[in-house]
């Protein structure tokens, strides 16, 4: 089991429960060493005196606050230790706020919060369930590693999590950062707004984090492996062009139509047995001969496919929702090519998977339309 990065007690009114904080995320970044070009010699960083060029021992290094024009306020390490807040052992909930009231920009790192003993599980679960029912977050301060943090405690289905947060004066005002910020007078036309909302509705999906992955990380590993084998490295395609404001409405309408088509095909692929059967029945209404095959499949396993089933394809399958889903999945996840109509019903993640199987260079920078064009004419697996 992982070791906690902090241990102490969590107080909730007069209720106290010993807890530990555990890092909730991990880094999978590919790390490189620095080498001198044309050699295998490692590059090392050393602390040197800027004026003399000589290396300086850590014991002879102090901190200096720059006052400008070469003047510094020198601070010794032990002077900072004397005023450090220390390692506090208490997370005291100062109050509870509506989760939707906390802007995501304030969140920093995330930790799992776990009880420090079997006897505290009941109290821990009581707090977790209460926070989940209230849909609120507990706000508290925490001292860890000689630094004070603002934190937010919230509930997940089985565990409490804690976010360290930025202080208010650490969050920048967008008006101070961005050159152009829409003001209240910048209102989109109602028709464009309605169409944009339709596009959002058509593209609304269930949150499945496992459907997303770090494509840049994959490209870095592919680059390293290609260079190890002595192969040529192919550059990626450039980003798509910005949408012309004049053509905005037309672009929105085409996007809505494509999203609805994609959602229909994607939904059919992810349906369960019941929905697969329903989709098959609809396909049977449109395809002659499928009905006869369905009746035959219900009576005899492994019945020979009829001509009507061949025409029905993924809709008819072998006469069961399960088979229909499997056929769709094969077309969506394993085939390397297909017609434009088939590809148009796939999500970008599925198109990217096909492009990877087909060995299409530059796929990670392609948008959905570019992936479809690159896959057209490719032979099916």
Protein backbone atom coordinates (compact mmCIF):
# COMPACT_ATOMS: atom_id res chain seq x y z
CA UNK A 1 0.00 0.00 0.00
CA UNK A 2 1.07 3.60 -0.60
CA UNK A 3 2.46 5.68 2.23
CA UNK A 4 0.56 8.83 3.24
CA UNK A 5 2.22 12.16 2.47
CA UNK A 6 0.56 13.69 5.53
CA UNK A 7 -1.17 12.32 8.64
CA UNK A 8 -3.32 14.11 11.18
CA UNK A 9 -6.93 14.56 12.19
CA UNK A 10 -9.95 15.88 10.34
CA UNK A 11 -12.43 17.80 12.51
CA UNK A 12 -16.09 18.17 11.64
CA UNK A 13 -17.72 20.23 14.38
CA UNK A 14 -17.06 18.18 17.53
CA UNK A 15 -16.38 15.04 15.49
CA UNK A 16 -12.72 14.11 14.92
CA UNK A 17 -11.33 11.34 12.72
CA UNK A 18 -7.64 10.48 12.19
CA UNK A 19 -6.82 10.54 8.46
CA UNK A 20 -3.97 10.36 5.99
CA UNK A 21 -3.48 12.09 2.64
CA UNK A 22 -2.40 10.01 -0.35
CA UNK A 23 -1.33 11.32 -3.75
CA UNK A 24 -4.20 10.72 -6.18
CA UNK A 25 -2.33 11.10 -9.48
CA UNK A 26 0.95 10.00 -11.01
CA UNK A 27 3.14 11.28 -13.83
CA UNK A 28 3.76 9.16 -16.94
CA UNK A 29 5.88 11.73 -18.78
CA UNK A 30 8.82 10.37 -20.78
CA UNK A 31 11.98 11.75 -19.16
CA UNK A 32 15.26 12.44 -20.96
CA UNK A 33 18.82 13.05 -19.80
CA UNK A 34 20.77 15.95 -21.25
CA UNK A 35 23.80 14.91 -23.33
CA UNK A 36 26.46 16.80 -25.24
CA UNK A 37 25.75 16.57 -28.96
CA UNK A 38 27.63 13.77 -30.80
CA UNK A 39 28.61 12.16 -27.47
CA UNK A 40 27.06 10.09 -24.70
CA UNK A 41 28.38 12.46 -22.05
CA UNK A 42 25.82 13.54 -19.46
CA UNK A 43 25.33 17.23 -18.72
CA UNK A 44 25.35 18.14 -15.00
CA UNK A 45 24.10 21.29 -13.33
CA UNK A 46 26.40 22.82 -10.77
CA UNK A 47 26.04 25.82 -8.49
CA UNK A 48 28.79 28.27 -9.40
CA UNK A 49 29.66 31.79 -8.34
CA UNK A 50 28.55 34.07 -11.18
CA UNK A 51 31.53 36.36 -10.71
CA UNK A 52 34.38 33.87 -10.08
CA UNK A 53 32.99 30.85 -11.96
CA UNK A 54 33.93 28.59 -9.03
CA UNK A 55 31.61 25.92 -7.64
CA UNK A 56 29.98 26.80 -4.31
CA UNK A 57 29.17 24.36 -1.48
CA UNK A 58 25.50 24.15 -0.39
CA UNK A 59 26.54 25.21 3.14
CA UNK A 60 27.78 28.53 1.74
CA UNK A 61 24.56 29.38 -0.08
CA UNK A 62 22.01 31.79 1.44
CA UNK A 63 18.87 33.36 0.04
CA UNK A 64 18.68 36.93 -1.20
CA UNK A 65 15.60 39.07 -1.89
CA UNK A 66 16.30 41.34 -4.86
CA UNK A 67 15.70 45.02 -4.08
CA UNK A 68 16.91 46.10 -7.51
CA UNK A 69 20.15 47.71 -8.73
CA UNK A 70 22.24 44.95 -7.19
CA UNK A 71 20.95 45.34 -3.63
CA UNK A 72 19.68 42.31 -1.70
CA UNK A 73 18.16 41.47 1.66
CA UNK A 74 20.05 38.36 2.80
CA UNK A 75 18.06 35.69 4.64
CA UNK A 76 19.64 32.68 6.34
CA UNK A 77 17.95 29.24 6.02
CA UNK A 78 17.45 28.94 9.81
CA UNK A 79 15.67 32.30 9.85
CA UNK A 80 13.05 30.91 7.47
CA UNK A 81 12.75 27.76 9.58
CA UNK A 82 12.00 29.85 12.69
CA UNK A 83 8.96 31.52 11.11
CA UNK A 84 7.69 28.44 9.24
CA UNK A 85 4.15 27.41 10.29
CA UNK A 86 5.32 23.95 11.30
CA UNK A 87 3.70 20.63 10.54
CA UNK A 88 0.13 21.06 11.65
CA UNK A 89 -1.79 17.92 12.53
CA UNK A 90 -5.31 19.30 12.13
CA UNK A 91 -7.64 19.85 9.17
CA UNK A 92 -10.37 22.01 10.68
CA UNK A 93 -13.41 22.55 8.46
CA UNK A 94 -14.08 26.30 8.55
CA UNK A 95 -17.33 25.94 6.61
CA UNK A 96 -19.06 24.24 3.69
CA UNK A 97 -19.74 25.77 0.27
CA UNK A 98 -21.71 24.78 -2.81
CA UNK A 99 -19.42 22.84 -5.14
CA UNK A 100 -20.65 24.79 -8.17
CA UNK A 101 -19.60 28.03 -6.49
CA UNK A 102 -15.90 27.09 -6.60
CA UNK A 103 -14.33 27.93 -9.95
CA UNK A 104 -12.05 25.12 -11.26
CA UNK A 105 -9.19 27.60 -11.67
CA UNK A 106 -8.74 27.54 -7.89
CA UNK A 107 -8.02 23.79 -7.75
CA UNK A 108 -4.38 22.68 -7.71
CA UNK A 109 -3.44 19.13 -6.63
CA UNK A 110 -5.69 16.28 -5.52
CA UNK A 111 -5.24 13.84 -2.65
CA UNK A 112 -7.24 10.88 -1.43
CA UNK A 113 -8.23 11.13 2.22
CA UNK A 114 -8.33 7.80 4.10
CA UNK A 115 -9.15 6.82 7.70
CA UNK A 116 -6.19 5.81 9.87
CA UNK A 117 -7.73 2.73 11.42
CA UNK A 118 -10.62 0.30 11.13
CA UNK A 119 -12.36 1.83 14.14
CA UNK A 120 -12.66 5.18 12.31
CA UNK A 121 -14.26 3.88 9.11
CA UNK A 122 -17.83 4.45 10.36
CA UNK A 123 -17.18 8.12 11.25
CA UNK A 124 -15.30 8.60 7.98
CA UNK A 125 -18.19 7.17 5.94
CA UNK A 126 -20.67 9.35 7.82
CA UNK A 127 -18.80 12.49 6.76
CA UNK A 128 -18.40 11.24 3.18
CA UNK A 129 -22.09 10.38 2.82
CA UNK A 130 -23.19 13.69 4.35
CA UNK A 131 -20.99 15.69 1.96
CA UNK A 132 -22.26 13.70 -1.01
CA UNK A 133 -25.90 14.19 -0.06
CA UNK A 134 -25.39 17.91 0.52
CA UNK A 135 -23.33 18.31 -2.69
CA UNK A 136 -21.00 20.63 -0.82
CA UNK A 137 -17.27 20.96 -0.17
CA UNK A 138 -15.62 21.59 3.17
CA UNK A 139 -13.14 24.50 3.18
CA UNK A 140 -10.12 24.32 5.49
CA UNK A 141 -6.46 25.27 5.77
CA UNK A 142 -3.69 22.71 6.02
CA UNK A 143 0.00 23.01 6.82
CA UNK A 144 2.16 20.50 4.95
CA UNK A 145 5.89 20.55 4.19
CA UNK A 146 6.34 23.94 5.82
CA UNK A 147 3.70 25.53 3.64
CA UNK A 148 0.12 26.52 4.35
CA UNK A 149 -2.57 25.46 1.88
CA UNK A 150 -6.18 26.37 1.30
CA UNK A 151 -8.07 23.11 0.75
CA UNK A 152 -11.47 21.81 -0.34
CA UNK A 153 -12.77 18.48 0.97
CA UNK A 154 -15.36 16.75 -1.22
CA UNK A 155 -16.98 13.35 -1.57
CA UNK A 156 -16.65 10.74 -4.28
CA UNK A 157 -18.81 7.59 -4.34
CA UNK A 158 -16.44 5.60 -2.09
CA UNK A 159 -13.82 8.00 -0.77
CA UNK A 160 -13.14 11.53 0.38
CA UNK A 161 -10.80 13.64 -1.73
CA UNK A 162 -9.01 16.87 -0.89
CA UNK A 163 -7.92 19.54 -3.35
CA UNK A 164 -5.19 21.97 -2.47
CA UNK A 165 -6.25 25.34 -3.83
CA UNK A 166 -4.75 28.60 -5.00
CA UNK A 167 -5.21 31.63 -2.79
CA UNK A 168 -7.37 34.41 -4.20
CA UNK A 169 -4.39 36.68 -4.91
CA UNK A 170 -2.72 33.88 -6.91
CA UNK A 171 -5.53 33.68 -9.50
CA UNK A 172 -5.06 36.13 -12.33
CA UNK A 173 -7.85 38.29 -13.69
CA UNK A 174 -8.50 37.24 -17.32
CA UNK A 175 -8.83 40.90 -18.29
CA UNK A 176 -5.19 41.37 -17.22
CA UNK A 177 -4.02 38.38 -19.26
CA UNK A 178 -6.06 38.27 -22.46
CA UNK A 179 -5.82 40.90 -25.18
CA UNK A 180 -9.44 40.37 -26.25
CA UNK A 181 -12.25 39.51 -23.83
CA UNK A 182 -15.91 39.66 -24.93
CA UNK A 183 -17.87 42.29 -23.03
CA UNK A 184 -21.58 42.41 -22.25
CA UNK A 185 -22.28 44.16 -25.54
CA UNK A 186 -20.88 41.21 -27.49
CA UNK A 187 -23.97 39.06 -27.89
CA UNK A 188 -24.25 36.33 -30.53
CA UNK A 189 -27.33 36.29 -32.79
CA UNK A 190 -30.13 34.18 -31.32
CA UNK A 191 -30.20 31.82 -34.32
CA UNK A 192 -26.48 31.10 -34.06
CA UNK A 193 -26.82 30.65 -30.30
CA UNK A 194 -29.65 28.14 -30.74
CA UNK A 195 -27.66 26.21 -33.34
CA UNK A 196 -24.59 26.18 -31.09
CA UNK A 197 -26.73 24.83 -28.25
CA UNK A 198 -28.06 22.14 -30.61
CA UNK A 199 -24.47 21.21 -31.43
CA UNK A 200 -23.63 20.92 -27.73
CA UNK A 201 -26.70 18.77 -27.14
CA UNK A 202 -25.82 16.55 -30.11
CA UNK A 203 -22.25 16.12 -28.84
CA UNK A 204 -23.25 15.51 -25.21
CA UNK A 205 -21.78 12.18 -24.04
CA UNK A 206 -21.22 10.26 -20.84
CA UNK A 207 -17.95 11.10 -19.07
CA UNK A 208 -15.65 8.10 -19.60
CA UNK A 209 -12.06 9.13 -18.75
CA UNK A 210 -10.72 5.82 -20.05
CA UNK A 211 -11.74 6.89 -23.57
CA UNK A 212 -9.03 9.57 -23.59
CA UNK A 213 -5.27 9.20 -23.61
CA UNK A 214 -2.14 11.30 -23.99
CA UNK A 215 -1.43 11.21 -27.73
CA UNK A 216 1.69 13.36 -27.36
CA UNK A 217 3.15 10.81 -24.93
CA UNK A 218 2.50 8.13 -27.56
CA UNK A 219 4.20 10.22 -30.26
CA UNK A 220 7.27 10.72 -28.08
CA UNK A 221 7.58 6.97 -27.49
CA UNK A 222 7.04 6.30 -31.22
CA UNK A 223 9.76 8.84 -32.01
CA UNK A 224 12.23 7.18 -29.61
CA UNK A 225 11.44 3.70 -30.95
CA UNK A 226 11.71 4.84 -34.59
CA UNK A 227 15.09 6.48 -34.00
CA UNK A 228 16.28 3.38 -32.13
CA UNK A 229 15.50 1.30 -35.22
CA UNK A 230 17.07 3.88 -37.51
CA UNK A 231 13.79 4.67 -39.25
CA UNK A 232 12.78 7.97 -40.79
CA UNK A 233 10.70 10.21 -38.54
CA UNK A 234 7.66 11.74 -40.26
CA UNK A 235 6.45 15.16 -39.10
CA UNK A 236 2.89 15.79 -38.01
CA UNK A 237 0.29 17.77 -39.96
CA UNK A 238 -0.48 21.36 -39.03
CA UNK A 239 -3.58 22.52 -37.14
CA UNK A 240 -6.86 23.14 -39.02
CA UNK A 241 -7.66 26.64 -40.26
CA UNK A 242 -9.82 28.94 -38.16
CA UNK A 243 -13.54 29.12 -39.00
CA UNK A 244 -14.50 32.03 -41.21
CA UNK A 245 -16.91 34.26 -39.30
CA UNK A 246 -18.99 34.74 -42.46
CA UNK A 247 -19.45 30.97 -42.78
CA UNK A 248 -20.06 30.45 -39.05
CA UNK A 249 -23.76 29.61 -39.33
CA UNK A 250 -23.17 27.15 -42.18
CA UNK A 251 -20.33 25.54 -40.24
CA UNK A 252 -22.54 25.20 -37.17
CA UNK A 253 -25.39 23.62 -39.13
CA UNK A 254 -23.05 21.11 -40.80
CA UNK A 255 -21.53 20.32 -37.42
CA UNK A 256 -24.95 19.63 -35.91
CA UNK A 257 -25.89 17.29 -38.76
CA UNK A 258 -22.60 15.42 -38.50
CA UNK A 259 -22.78 15.20 -34.72
CA UNK A 260 -26.29 13.78 -34.82
CA UNK A 261 -25.24 11.21 -37.41
CA UNK A 262 -22.21 10.30 -35.34
CA UNK A 263 -24.24 10.07 -32.14
CA UNK A 264 -26.71 7.71 -33.80
CA UNK A 265 -23.96 5.39 -34.99
CA UNK A 266 -21.94 5.68 -31.79
CA UNK A 267 -24.99 5.08 -29.63
CA UNK A 268 -25.82 1.94 -31.57
CA UNK A 269 -22.31 0.66 -30.95
CA UNK A 270 -22.46 1.15 -27.18
CA UNK A 271 -25.97 -0.15 -26.58
CA UNK A 272 -26.63 -3.22 -24.50
CA UNK A 273 -28.41 -6.35 -25.57
CA UNK A 274 -31.88 -4.82 -25.31
CA UNK A 275 -30.99 -1.72 -27.30
CA UNK A 276 -29.11 -3.82 -29.81
CA UNK A 277 -32.24 -5.89 -30.39
CA UNK A 278 -34.33 -2.75 -30.79
CA UNK A 279 -31.89 -1.36 -33.37
CA UNK A 280 -31.91 -4.69 -35.15
CA UNK A 281 -35.70 -4.67 -35.37
CA UNK A 282 -35.63 -1.19 -36.90
CA UNK A 283 -33.07 -2.42 -39.39
CA UNK A 284 -35.31 -5.36 -40.20
CA UNK A 285 -38.12 -3.01 -41.16
CA UNK A 286 -35.86 -1.38 -43.74
CA UNK A 287 -34.11 -4.48 -45.07
CA UNK A 288 -35.88 -7.27 -46.93
CA UNK A 289 -34.97 -10.75 -45.85
CA UNK A 290 -33.70 -9.79 -42.36
CA UNK A 291 -36.99 -10.72 -40.71
CA UNK A 292 -36.74 -14.25 -42.00
CA UNK A 293 -33.21 -14.59 -40.75
CA UNK A 294 -34.13 -13.32 -37.28
CA UNK A 295 -36.83 -15.94 -36.96
CA UNK A 296 -34.41 -18.62 -38.11
CA UNK A 297 -31.74 -17.49 -35.64
CA UNK A 298 -34.18 -17.68 -32.76
CA UNK A 299 -34.91 -21.32 -33.56
CA UNK A 300 -31.56 -22.64 -34.71
CA UNK A 301 -28.07 -21.61 -33.55
CA UNK A 302 -25.54 -21.13 -36.27
CA UNK A 303 -28.16 -20.77 -39.02
CA UNK A 304 -26.78 -19.94 -42.43
CA UNK A 305 -26.84 -16.22 -43.26
CA UNK A 306 -29.51 -15.21 -45.70
CA UNK A 307 -29.08 -12.71 -48.46
CA UNK A 308 -31.24 -10.31 -46.53
CA UNK A 309 -28.84 -10.50 -43.54
CA UNK A 310 -25.91 -9.78 -45.81
CA UNK A 311 -27.66 -6.61 -46.96
CA UNK A 312 -28.61 -5.66 -43.41
CA UNK A 313 -24.93 -5.86 -42.37
CA UNK A 314 -24.32 -4.48 -38.87
CA UNK A 315 -28.06 -3.78 -38.36
CA UNK A 316 -29.28 -7.30 -38.83
CA UNK A 317 -26.27 -9.34 -37.73
CA UNK A 318 -27.19 -12.87 -36.75
CA UNK A 319 -30.51 -11.95 -35.26
CA UNK A 320 -29.50 -10.87 -31.76
CA UNK A 321 -28.69 -7.57 -30.16
CA UNK A 322 -25.42 -8.97 -28.86
CA UNK A 323 -24.27 -10.03 -32.29
CA UNK A 324 -25.32 -6.70 -33.76
CA UNK A 325 -23.21 -4.88 -31.22
CA UNK A 326 -20.20 -7.07 -31.84
CA UNK A 327 -20.38 -6.49 -35.57
CA UNK A 328 -20.60 -2.75 -35.05
CA UNK A 329 -17.67 -2.82 -32.67
CA UNK A 330 -15.55 -4.65 -35.17
CA UNK A 331 -16.30 -2.13 -37.84
CA UNK A 332 -15.75 0.77 -35.48
CA UNK A 333 -12.58 -0.35 -33.73
CA UNK A 334 -10.69 -2.83 -35.90
CA UNK A 335 -11.27 -2.03 -39.55
CA UNK A 336 -8.63 0.24 -41.04
CA UNK A 337 -10.67 1.77 -43.78
CA UNK A 338 -14.20 2.12 -44.96
CA UNK A 339 -16.53 4.35 -46.89
CA UNK A 340 -17.10 7.96 -45.98
CA UNK A 341 -20.61 7.09 -44.70
CA UNK A 342 -19.24 4.41 -42.35
CA UNK A 343 -16.50 6.69 -41.05
CA UNK A 344 -18.89 9.59 -40.49
CA UNK A 345 -20.72 7.63 -37.78
CA UNK A 346 -17.55 7.11 -35.69
CA UNK A 347 -16.22 9.26 -32.87
CA UNK A 348 -12.86 10.98 -33.16
CA UNK A 349 -11.36 8.47 -30.71
CA UNK A 350 -12.47 5.58 -32.93
CA UNK A 351 -11.17 7.32 -36.05
CA UNK A 352 -7.84 7.94 -34.32
CA UNK A 353 -7.63 4.25 -33.40
CA UNK A 354 -8.25 3.26 -37.00
CA UNK A 355 -5.65 5.74 -38.21
CA UNK A 356 -3.11 4.23 -35.83
CA UNK A 357 -3.84 0.71 -37.08
CA UNK A 358 -3.55 1.96 -40.65
CA UNK A 359 -0.20 3.63 -39.92
CA UNK A 360 -1.35 7.09 -41.03
CA UNK A 361 1.33 9.65 -40.28
CA UNK A 362 0.35 12.94 -38.66
CA UNK A 363 -2.88 11.52 -37.22
CA UNK A 364 -2.42 13.03 -33.78
CA UNK A 365 -2.79 16.56 -35.14
CA UNK A 366 -5.72 15.82 -37.41
CA UNK A 367 -9.22 16.94 -36.61
CA UNK A 368 -12.16 14.63 -37.19
CA UNK A 369 -12.71 15.68 -40.83
CA UNK A 370 -9.03 15.20 -41.65
CA UNK A 371 -9.03 11.72 -40.09
CA UNK A 372 -12.04 10.75 -42.22
CA UNK A 373 -10.35 11.99 -45.41
CA UNK A 374 -7.12 10.15 -44.55
CA UNK A 375 -8.97 6.90 -43.91
CA UNK A 376 -11.08 6.99 -47.08
CA UNK A 377 -9.98 4.38 -49.57
CA UNK A 378 -7.92 2.47 -47.03
CA UNK A 379 -8.48 -1.30 -47.26
CA UNK A 380 -10.63 -2.80 -44.50
CA UNK A 381 -8.95 -5.25 -42.13
